[in-house]
PDB file of N, CA and C in Angstrom:
ATOM      1  N   MET A   1       0.680  -1.153   0.210  1.00  0.00           N
ATOM      2  CA  MET A   1       0.308  -0.164   0.310  1.00  0.00           C
ATOM      3  C   MET A   1       1.027   1.060  -0.167  1.00  0.00           C
ATOM      4  N   ALA A   2       0.114   2.098  -0.820  1.00  0.00           N
ATOM      5  CA  ALA A   2       1.512   3.585  -1.000  1.00  0.00           C
ATOM      6  C   ALA A   2       1.127   4.280   0.145  1.00  0.00           C
ATOM      7  N   THR A   3       1.909   5.122   0.732  1.00  0.00           N
ATOM      8  CA  THR A   3       1.709   6.140   1.354  1.00  0.00           C
ATOM      9  C   THR A   3       1.991   7.257   0.721  1.00  0.00           C
ATOM     10  N   ASN A   4       1.355   8.352   1.315  1.00  0.00           N
ATOM     11  CA  ASN A   4       1.503   9.561   0.437  1.00  0.00           C
ATOM     12  C   ASN A   4       1.516  10.768   1.405  1.00  0.00           C
ATOM     13  N   SER A   5       2.598  11.888   1.291  1.00  0.00           N
ATOM     14  CA  SER A   5       2.601  12.902   2.043  1.00  0.00           C
ATOM     15  C   SER A   5       2.049  14.303   1.526  1.00  0.00           C
ATOM     16  N   PHE A   6       1.653  14.951   2.301  1.00  0.00           N
ATOM     17  CA  PHE A   6       1.020  16.533   1.828  1.00  0.00           C
ATOM     18  C   PHE A   6       2.030  17.190   1.796  1.00  0.00           C
ATOM     19  N   ILE A   7       1.891  17.865   0.931  1.00  0.00           N
ATOM     20  CA  ILE A   7       2.774  19.244   1.055  1.00  0.00           C
ATOM     21  C   ILE A   7       1.808  20.427   0.621  1.00  0.00           C
ATOM     22  N   GLU A   8       2.335  21.624   1.100  1.00  0.00           N
ATOM     23  CA  GLU A   8       1.793  22.448   1.103  1.00  0.00           C
ATOM     24  C   GLU A   8       2.407  22.884   0.020  1.00  0.00           C
ATOM     25  N   PHE A   9       1.631  23.624  -1.027  1.00  0.00           N
ATOM     26  CA  PHE A   9       2.128  24.454  -2.128  1.00  0.00           C
ATOM     27  C   PHE A   9       1.605  25.252  -2.980  1.00  0.00           C
ATOM     28  N   ARG A  10       1.838  27.127  -2.385  1.00  0.00           N
ATOM     29  CA  ARG A  10       1.017  28.071  -3.234  1.00  0.00           C
ATOM     30  C   ARG A  10       2.163  28.421  -3.907  1.00  0.00           C
ATOM     31  N   LEU A  11       1.739  28.770  -4.911  1.00  0.00           N
ATOM     32  CA  LEU A  11       2.206  29.501  -6.343  1.00  0.00           C
ATOM     33  C   LEU A  11       1.177  30.526  -6.938  1.00  0.00           C
ATOM     34  N   ASP A  12       1.596  32.003  -6.717  1.00  0.00           N
ATOM     35  CA  ASP A  12       0.570  32.705  -6.992  1.00  0.00           C
ATOM     36  C   ASP A  12       0.116  32.903  -8.389  1.00  0.00           C
ATOM     37  N   GLU A  13       1.204  32.860  -9.703  1.00  0.00           N
ATOM     38  CA  GLU A  13       0.585  32.614 -11.145  1.00  0.00           C
ATOM     39  C   GLU A  13      -0.229  31.262 -11.288  1.00  0.00           C
ATOM     40  N   ALA A  14       0.015  30.374 -10.395  1.00  0.00           N
ATOM     41  CA  ALA A  14      -0.912  29.320 -10.680  1.00  0.00           C
ATOM     42  C   ALA A  14      -2.239  29.340 -10.759  1.00  0.00           C
ATOM     43  N   GLN A  15      -2.460  30.365  -9.512  1.00  0.00           N
ATOM     44  CA  GLN A  15      -3.752  30.733  -9.071  1.00  0.00           C
ATOM     45  C   GLN A  15      -4.193  31.837  -9.616  1.00  0.00           C
ATOM     46  N   THR A  16      -3.646  32.463 -10.566  1.00  0.00           N
ATOM     47  CA  THR A  16      -4.074  33.483 -11.578  1.00  0.00           C
ATOM     48  C   THR A  16      -4.468  32.791 -12.971  1.00  0.00           C
ATOM     49  N   LEU A  17      -3.726  31.757 -13.419  1.00  0.00           N
ATOM     50  CA  LEU A  17      -3.915  30.681 -14.537  1.00  0.00           C
ATOM     51  C   LEU A  17      -5.296  29.726 -14.118  1.00  0.00           C
ATOM     52  N   ALA A  18      -5.133  29.543 -13.092  1.00  0.00           N
ATOM     53  CA  ALA A  18      -6.408  29.056 -12.345  1.00  0.00           C
ATOM     54  C   ALA A  18      -8.367  29.478 -12.927  1.00  0.00           C
ATOM     55  N   ASP A  19      -7.873  30.711 -12.519  1.00  0.00           N
ATOM     56  CA  ASP A  19      -8.922  31.932 -12.792  1.00  0.00           C
ATOM     57  C   ASP A  19      -9.314  32.100 -13.811  1.00  0.00           C
ATOM     58  N   TYR A  20      -8.361  31.885 -14.824  1.00  0.00           N
ATOM     59  CA  TYR A  20      -8.608  31.996 -16.005  1.00  0.00           C
ATOM     60  C   TYR A  20      -9.448  31.133 -17.056  1.00  0.00           C
ATOM     61  N   ALA A  21      -8.538  29.574 -16.199  1.00  0.00           N
ATOM     62  CA  ALA A  21      -9.154  28.962 -17.185  1.00  0.00           C
ATOM     63  C   ALA A  21     -10.682  28.716 -16.383  1.00  0.00           C
ATOM     64  N   GLY A  22     -10.603  29.303 -15.177  1.00  0.00           N
ATOM     65  CA  GLY A  22     -12.020  29.143 -15.247  1.00  0.00           C
ATOM     66  C   GLY A  22     -13.405  30.028 -15.638  1.00  0.00           C
ATOM     67  N   ILE A  23     -12.664  31.065 -16.044  1.00  0.00           N
ATOM     68  CA  ILE A  23     -13.305  31.790 -16.785  1.00  0.00           C
ATOM     69  C   ILE A  23     -13.783  31.204 -17.981  1.00  0.00           C
ATOM     70  N   SER A  24     -12.562  31.055 -19.126  1.00  0.00           N
ATOM     71  CA  SER A  24     -13.108  30.077 -20.293  1.00  0.00           C
ATOM     72  C   SER A  24     -13.270  29.242 -20.430  1.00  0.00           C
ATOM     73  N   PHE A  25     -14.026  28.324 -19.654  1.00  0.00           N
ATOM     74  CA  PHE A  25     -14.630  27.472 -19.281  1.00  0.00           C
ATOM     75  C   PHE A  25     -16.194  28.268 -18.554  1.00  0.00           C
ATOM     76  N   ASP A  26     -16.377  28.716 -17.974  1.00  0.00           N
ATOM     77  CA  ASP A  26     -17.640  29.601 -18.136  1.00  0.00           C
ATOM     78  C   ASP A  26     -18.385  29.921 -19.297  1.00  0.00           C
ATOM     79  N   LEU A  27     -17.164  31.100 -20.165  1.00  0.00           N
ATOM     80  CA  LEU A  27     -17.824  31.104 -21.529  1.00  0.00           C
ATOM     81  C   LEU A  27     -17.759  30.735 -22.742  1.00  0.00           C
ATOM     82  N   GLN A  28     -16.932  29.185 -22.220  1.00  0.00           N
ATOM     83  CA  GLN A  28     -17.146  28.637 -23.421  1.00  0.00           C
ATOM     84  C   GLN A  28     -18.753  28.051 -23.337  1.00  0.00           C
ATOM     85  N   THR A  29     -19.095  27.295 -22.256  1.00  0.00           N
ATOM     86  CA  THR A  29     -20.012  26.792 -22.201  1.00  0.00           C
ATOM     87  C   THR A  29     -21.167  27.202 -21.776  1.00  0.00           C
ATOM     88  N   ALA A  30     -21.181  28.429 -21.762  1.00  0.00           N
ATOM     89  CA  ALA A  30     -22.522  29.495 -21.836  1.00  0.00           C
ATOM     90  C   ALA A  30     -23.086  29.177 -23.765  1.00  0.00           C
ATOM     91  N   PHE A  31     -21.557  29.694 -23.980  1.00  0.00           N
ATOM     92  CA  PHE A  31     -21.649  29.621 -25.972  1.00  0.00           C
ATOM     93  C   PHE A  31     -22.430  28.877 -26.187  1.00  0.00           C
ATOM     94  N   GLU A  32     -21.961  27.376 -25.512  1.00  0.00           N
ATOM     95  CA  GLU A  32     -22.517  26.145 -25.955  1.00  0.00           C
ATOM     96  C   GLU A  32     -23.819  25.632 -25.159  1.00  0.00           C
ATOM     97  N   PHE A  33     -24.335  26.309 -24.364  1.00  0.00           N
ATOM     98  CA  PHE A  33     -25.547  26.145 -23.702  1.00  0.00           C
ATOM     99  C   PHE A  33     -26.439  27.019 -25.243  1.00  0.00           C
ATOM    100  N   ALA A  34     -26.643  28.138 -25.130  1.00  0.00           N
ATOM    101  CA  ALA A  34     -26.955  29.376 -25.955  1.00  0.00           C
ATOM    102  C   ALA A  34     -27.233  28.607 -27.121  1.00  0.00           C
ATOM    103  N   THR A  35     -25.823  27.660 -27.962  1.00  0.00           N
ATOM    104  CA  THR A  35     -26.231  27.725 -29.185  1.00  0.00           C
ATOM    105  C   THR A  35     -27.297  26.291 -29.036  1.00  0.00           C
ATOM    106  N   THR A  36     -26.977  25.373 -27.860  1.00  0.00           N
ATOM    107  CA  THR A  36     -28.036  24.390 -28.061  1.00  0.00           C
ATOM    108  C   THR A  36     -30.009  24.568 -27.867  1.00  0.00           C
ATOM    109  N   ILE A  37     -29.732  25.748 -27.216  1.00  0.00           N
ATOM    110  CA  ILE A  37     -31.256  26.554 -27.047  1.00  0.00           C
ATOM    111  C   ILE A  37     -31.578  26.807 -28.524  1.00  0.00           C
ATOM    112  N   LEU A  38     -30.610  27.650 -29.574  1.00  0.00           N
ATOM    113  CA  LEU A  38     -30.772  28.042 -30.901  1.00  0.00           C
ATOM    114  C   LEU A  38     -31.576  27.059 -31.612  1.00  0.00           C
ATOM    115  N   GLU A  39     -30.532  26.029 -31.514  1.00  0.00           N
ATOM    116  CA  GLU A  39     -30.916  24.146 -32.276  1.00  0.00           C
ATOM    117  C   GLU A  39     -32.104  23.812 -31.917  1.00  0.00           C
ATOM    118  N   GLU A  40     -32.124  23.992 -31.148  1.00  0.00           N
ATOM    119  CA  GLU A  40     -33.498  23.377 -30.333  1.00  0.00           C
ATOM    120  C   GLU A  40     -34.499  23.846 -30.704  1.00  0.00           C
ATOM    121  N   ASN A  41     -34.907  25.358 -30.481  1.00  0.00           N
ATOM    122  CA  ASN A  41     -35.667  26.194 -31.238  1.00  0.00           C
ATOM    123  C   ASN A  41     -35.635  26.320 -32.837  1.00  0.00           C
ATOM    124  N   ARG A  42     -35.087  25.872 -33.651  1.00  0.00           N
ATOM    125  CA  ARG A  42     -35.086  25.506 -34.884  1.00  0.00           C
ATOM    126  C   ARG A  42     -35.445  24.503 -35.802  1.00  0.00           C
ATOM    127  N   LYS A  43     -35.998  23.285 -34.563  1.00  0.00           N
ATOM    128  CA  LYS A  43     -36.162  21.986 -35.223  1.00  0.00           C
ATOM    129  C   LYS A  43     -37.759  22.368 -35.328  1.00  0.00           C
ATOM    130  N   PRO A  44     -38.011  21.189 -35.900  1.00  0.00           N
ATOM    131  CA  PRO A  44     -39.865  21.551 -36.155  1.00  0.00           C
ATOM    132  C   PRO A  44     -40.441  21.086 -34.868  1.00  0.00           C
ATOM    133  N   ALA A  45     -40.357  20.443 -34.466  1.00  0.00           N
ATOM    134  CA  ALA A  45     -40.813  20.269 -32.927  1.00  0.00           C
ATOM    135  C   ALA A  45     -40.058  20.306 -31.945  1.00  0.00           C
ATOM    136  N   PRO A  46     -39.314  21.324 -31.421  1.00  0.00           N
ATOM    137  CA  PRO A  46     -38.923  21.391 -30.661  1.00  0.00           C
ATOM    138  C   PRO A  46     -39.609  21.229 -29.109  1.00  0.00           C
ATOM    139  N   ASN A  47     -38.387  20.993 -28.756  1.00  0.00           N
ATOM    140  CA  ASN A  47     -38.552  20.736 -26.947  1.00  0.00           C
ATOM    141  C   ASN A  47     -38.630  21.860 -26.026  1.00  0.00           C
ATOM    142  N   PHE A  48     -39.798  22.767 -25.364  1.00  0.00           N
ATOM    143  CA  PHE A  48     -39.574  23.952 -25.033  1.00  0.00           C
ATOM    144  C   PHE A  48     -39.291  23.697 -23.248  1.00  0.00           C
ATOM    145  N   SER A  49     -39.560  22.305 -23.045  1.00  0.00           N
ATOM    146  CA  SER A  49     -38.986  22.381 -21.407  1.00  0.00           C
ATOM    147  C   SER A  49     -37.624  22.391 -21.486  1.00  0.00           C
ATOM    148  N   LEU A  50     -36.958  22.343 -22.449  1.00  0.00           N
ATOM    149  CA  LEU A  50     -35.395  22.557 -22.143  1.00  0.00           C
ATOM    150  C   LEU A  50     -34.964  23.923 -22.596  1.00  0.00           C
ATOM    151  N   SER A  51     -35.820  24.688 -22.828  1.00  0.00           N
ATOM    152  CA  SER A  51     -35.335  26.435 -22.782  1.00  0.00           C
ATOM    153  C   SER A  51     -35.357  26.624 -21.568  1.00  0.00           C
ATOM    154  N   ASP A  52     -35.559  26.572 -20.660  1.00  0.00           N
ATOM    155  CA  ASP A  52     -35.935  27.515 -19.413  1.00  0.00           C
ATOM    156  C   ASP A  52     -34.541  26.769 -18.431  1.00  0.00           C
ATOM    157  N   PRO A  53     -34.674  25.675 -18.342  1.00  0.00           N
ATOM    158  CA  PRO A  53     -33.083  25.094 -17.797  1.00  0.00           C
ATOM    159  C   PRO A  53     -31.955  25.664 -18.881  1.00  0.00           C
ATOM    160  N   PHE A  54     -31.675  25.754 -19.821  1.00  0.00           N
ATOM    161  CA  PHE A  54     -30.498  25.555 -20.720  1.00  0.00           C
ATOM    162  C   PHE A  54     -30.633  27.397 -20.835  1.00  0.00           C
ATOM    163  N   MET A  55     -31.424  28.598 -20.171  1.00  0.00           N
ATOM    164  CA  MET A  55     -31.428  29.596 -20.350  1.00  0.00           C
ATOM    165  C   MET A  55     -30.765  30.046 -19.297  1.00  0.00           C
ATOM    166  N   VAL A  56     -30.871  29.142 -18.014  1.00  0.00           N
ATOM    167  CA  VAL A  56     -30.825  29.769 -16.591  1.00  0.00           C
ATOM    168  C   VAL A  56     -29.194  29.425 -16.331  1.00  0.00           C
ATOM    169  N   ALA A  57     -28.996  27.767 -16.944  1.00  0.00           N
ATOM    170  CA  ALA A  57     -27.218  27.785 -16.780  1.00  0.00           C
ATOM    171  C   ALA A  57     -26.793  28.871 -17.659  1.00  0.00           C
ATOM    172  N   THR A  58     -26.943  29.194 -18.872  1.00  0.00           N
ATOM    173  CA  THR A  58     -26.315  30.366 -19.804  1.00  0.00           C
ATOM    174  C   THR A  58     -25.931  31.402 -18.716  1.00  0.00           C
ATOM    175  N   ILE A  59     -26.937  31.705 -18.388  1.00  0.00           N
ATOM    176  CA  ILE A  59     -27.266  33.046 -18.044  1.00  0.00           C
ATOM    177  C   ILE A  59     -25.942  33.034 -16.511  1.00  0.00           C
ATOM    178  N   ILE A  60     -26.136  31.886 -15.574  1.00  0.00           N
ATOM    179  CA  ILE A  60     -25.340  31.887 -14.547  1.00  0.00           C
ATOM    180  C   ILE A  60     -23.543  31.952 -15.048  1.00  0.00           C
ATOM    181  N   ARG A  61     -23.386  30.766 -15.633  1.00  0.00           N
ATOM    182  CA  ARG A  61     -22.509  30.701 -15.891  1.00  0.00           C
ATOM    183  C   ARG A  61     -21.341  32.058 -17.271  1.00  0.00           C
ATOM    184  N   TYR A  62     -22.755  32.695 -17.814  1.00  0.00           N
ATOM    185  CA  TYR A  62     -22.171  34.109 -18.214  1.00  0.00           C
ATOM    186  C   TYR A  62     -21.861  35.115 -17.099  1.00  0.00           C
ATOM    187  N   ALA A  63     -22.382  35.254 -16.206  1.00  0.00           N
ATOM    188  CA  ALA A  63     -22.272  35.750 -14.991  1.00  0.00           C
ATOM    189  C   ALA A  63     -20.978  35.741 -14.082  1.00  0.00           C
ATOM    190  N   ARG A  64     -20.954  34.746 -14.186  1.00  0.00           N
ATOM    191  CA  ARG A  64     -19.952  34.216 -13.074  1.00  0.00           C
ATOM    192  C   ARG A  64     -18.591  34.650 -13.552  1.00  0.00           C
ATOM    193  N   ALA A  65     -18.860  34.426 -15.057  1.00  0.00           N
ATOM    194  CA  ALA A  65     -17.009  34.938 -15.528  1.00  0.00           C
ATOM    195  C   ALA A  65     -16.782  36.096 -15.098  1.00  0.00           C
ATOM    196  N   PHE A  66     -17.909  37.299 -14.658  1.00  0.00           N
ATOM    197  CA  PHE A  66     -17.450  38.329 -14.609  1.00  0.00           C
ATOM    198  C   PHE A  66     -18.124  38.664 -12.670  1.00  0.00           C
ATOM    199  N   ALA A  67     -18.491  38.407 -12.414  1.00  0.00           N
ATOM    200  CA  ALA A  67     -18.640  37.994 -10.856  1.00  0.00           C
ATOM    201  C   ALA A  67     -17.411  38.108 -10.187  1.00  0.00           C
ATOM    202  N   GLY A  68     -16.016  37.965 -10.275  1.00  0.00           N
ATOM    203  CA  GLY A  68     -15.215  38.435  -8.912  1.00  0.00           C
ATOM    204  C   GLY A  68     -13.513  38.128 -10.503  1.00  0.00           C
ATOM    205  N   GLY A  69     -14.191  36.701 -10.361  1.00  0.00           N
ATOM    206  CA  GLY A  69     -12.501  36.324 -11.584  1.00  0.00           C
ATOM    207  C   GLY A  69     -11.294  36.271 -10.719  1.00  0.00           C
ATOM    208  N   VAL A  70     -10.381  36.879 -11.290  1.00  0.00           N
ATOM    209  CA  VAL A  70      -9.092  36.984 -11.599  1.00  0.00           C
ATOM    210  C   VAL A  70      -8.865  38.138 -10.364  1.00  0.00           C
ATOM    211  N   LEU A  71      -7.584  37.328  -9.534  1.00  0.00           N
ATOM    212  CA  LEU A  71      -7.286  37.954  -8.305  1.00  0.00           C
ATOM    213  C   LEU A  71      -6.465  39.450  -9.002  1.00  0.00           C
ATOM    214  N   ALA A  72      -6.795  40.053  -8.513  1.00  0.00           N
ATOM    215  CA  ALA A  72      -5.752  41.596  -8.942  1.00  0.00           C
ATOM    216  C   ALA A  72      -4.356  41.542  -8.544  1.00  0.00           C
TER     217      ALA A  72
END
Protein backbone atom coordinates (compact mmCIF):
# COMPACT_ATOMS: atom_id res chain seq x y z
CA MET A 1 0.00 0.00 0.00
CA ALA A 2 1.31 3.43 -0.97
CA THR A 3 1.97 6.06 1.65
CA ASN A 4 1.57 9.62 0.38
CA SER A 5 2.61 12.81 2.11
CA PHE A 6 0.79 16.10 1.76
CA ILE A 7 2.94 19.08 0.88
CA GLU A 8 1.52 22.61 1.01
CA PHE A 9 2.36 24.34 -2.27
CA ARG A 10 1.24 27.86 -3.15
CA LEU A 11 2.17 29.67 -6.33
CA ASP A 12 0.42 32.97 -7.11
CA GLU A 13 0.87 32.55 -10.87
CA ALA A 14 -0.86 29.18 -10.70
CA GLN A 15 -3.88 30.73 -8.96
CA THR A 16 -4.16 33.41 -11.65
CA LEU A 17 -3.93 30.77 -14.37
CA ALA A 18 -6.62 28.71 -12.63
CA ASP A 19 -8.86 31.80 -12.49
CA TYR A 20 -8.40 32.42 -16.23
CA ALA A 21 -9.08 28.76 -16.99
CA GLY A 22 -12.31 28.94 -14.97
CA ILE A 23 -13.42 32.08 -16.80
CA SER A 24 -12.64 30.47 -20.15
CA PHE A 25 -14.62 27.36 -19.22
CA ASP A 26 -17.63 29.41 -18.06
CA LEU A 27 -17.73 31.52 -21.24
CA GLN A 28 -17.26 28.53 -23.53
CA THR A 29 -20.00 26.49 -21.88
CA ALA A 30 -22.35 29.52 -21.85
CA PHE A 31 -21.83 29.77 -25.61
CA GLU A 32 -22.47 26.03 -26.04
CA PHE A 33 -25.66 26.18 -23.94
CA ALA A 34 -26.96 29.16 -25.93
CA THR A 35 -26.17 27.36 -29.18
CA THR A 36 -28.05 24.31 -27.93
CA ILE A 37 -31.12 26.44 -27.19
CA LEU A 38 -31.02 27.97 -30.68
CA GLU A 39 -30.59 24.58 -32.36
CA GLU A 40 -33.47 23.09 -30.38
CA ASN A 41 -35.77 25.98 -31.30
CA ARG A 42 -35.00 25.50 -35.02
CA LYS A 43 -36.30 21.92 -34.99
CA PRO A 44 -39.75 21.23 -36.50
CA ALA A 45 -41.00 20.07 -33.08
CA PRO A 46 -38.80 21.77 -30.47
CA ASN A 47 -38.75 20.58 -26.89
CA PHE A 48 -39.56 23.86 -25.14
CA SER A 49 -39.10 22.27 -21.71
CA LEU A 50 -35.34 22.40 -22.37
CA SER A 51 -35.34 26.17 -22.94
CA ASP A 52 -35.73 27.18 -19.30
CA PRO A 53 -32.95 25.02 -17.79
CA PHE A 54 -30.53 25.83 -20.60
CA MET A 55 -31.32 29.55 -20.37
CA VAL A 56 -30.74 29.57 -16.60
CA ALA A 57 -27.49 27.64 -17.00
CA THR A 58 -26.36 30.03 -19.74
CA ILE A 59 -27.03 33.12 -17.64
CA ILE A 60 -25.32 31.67 -14.57
CA ARG A 61 -22.21 30.55 -16.47
CA TYR A 62 -21.93 33.88 -18.28
CA ALA A 63 -22.41 35.94 -15.11
CA ARG A 64 -19.89 33.87 -13.13
CA ALA A 65 -17.17 34.95 -15.56
CA PHE A 66 -17.64 38.56 -14.43
CA ALA A 67 -18.54 38.03 -10.77
CA GLY A 68 -15.06 38.13 -9.31
CA GLY A 69 -12.74 36.10 -11.40
CA VAL A 70 -9.07 36.90 -11.48
CA LEU A 71 -7.37 38.19 -8.38
CA ALA A 72 -5.78 41.60 -8.81
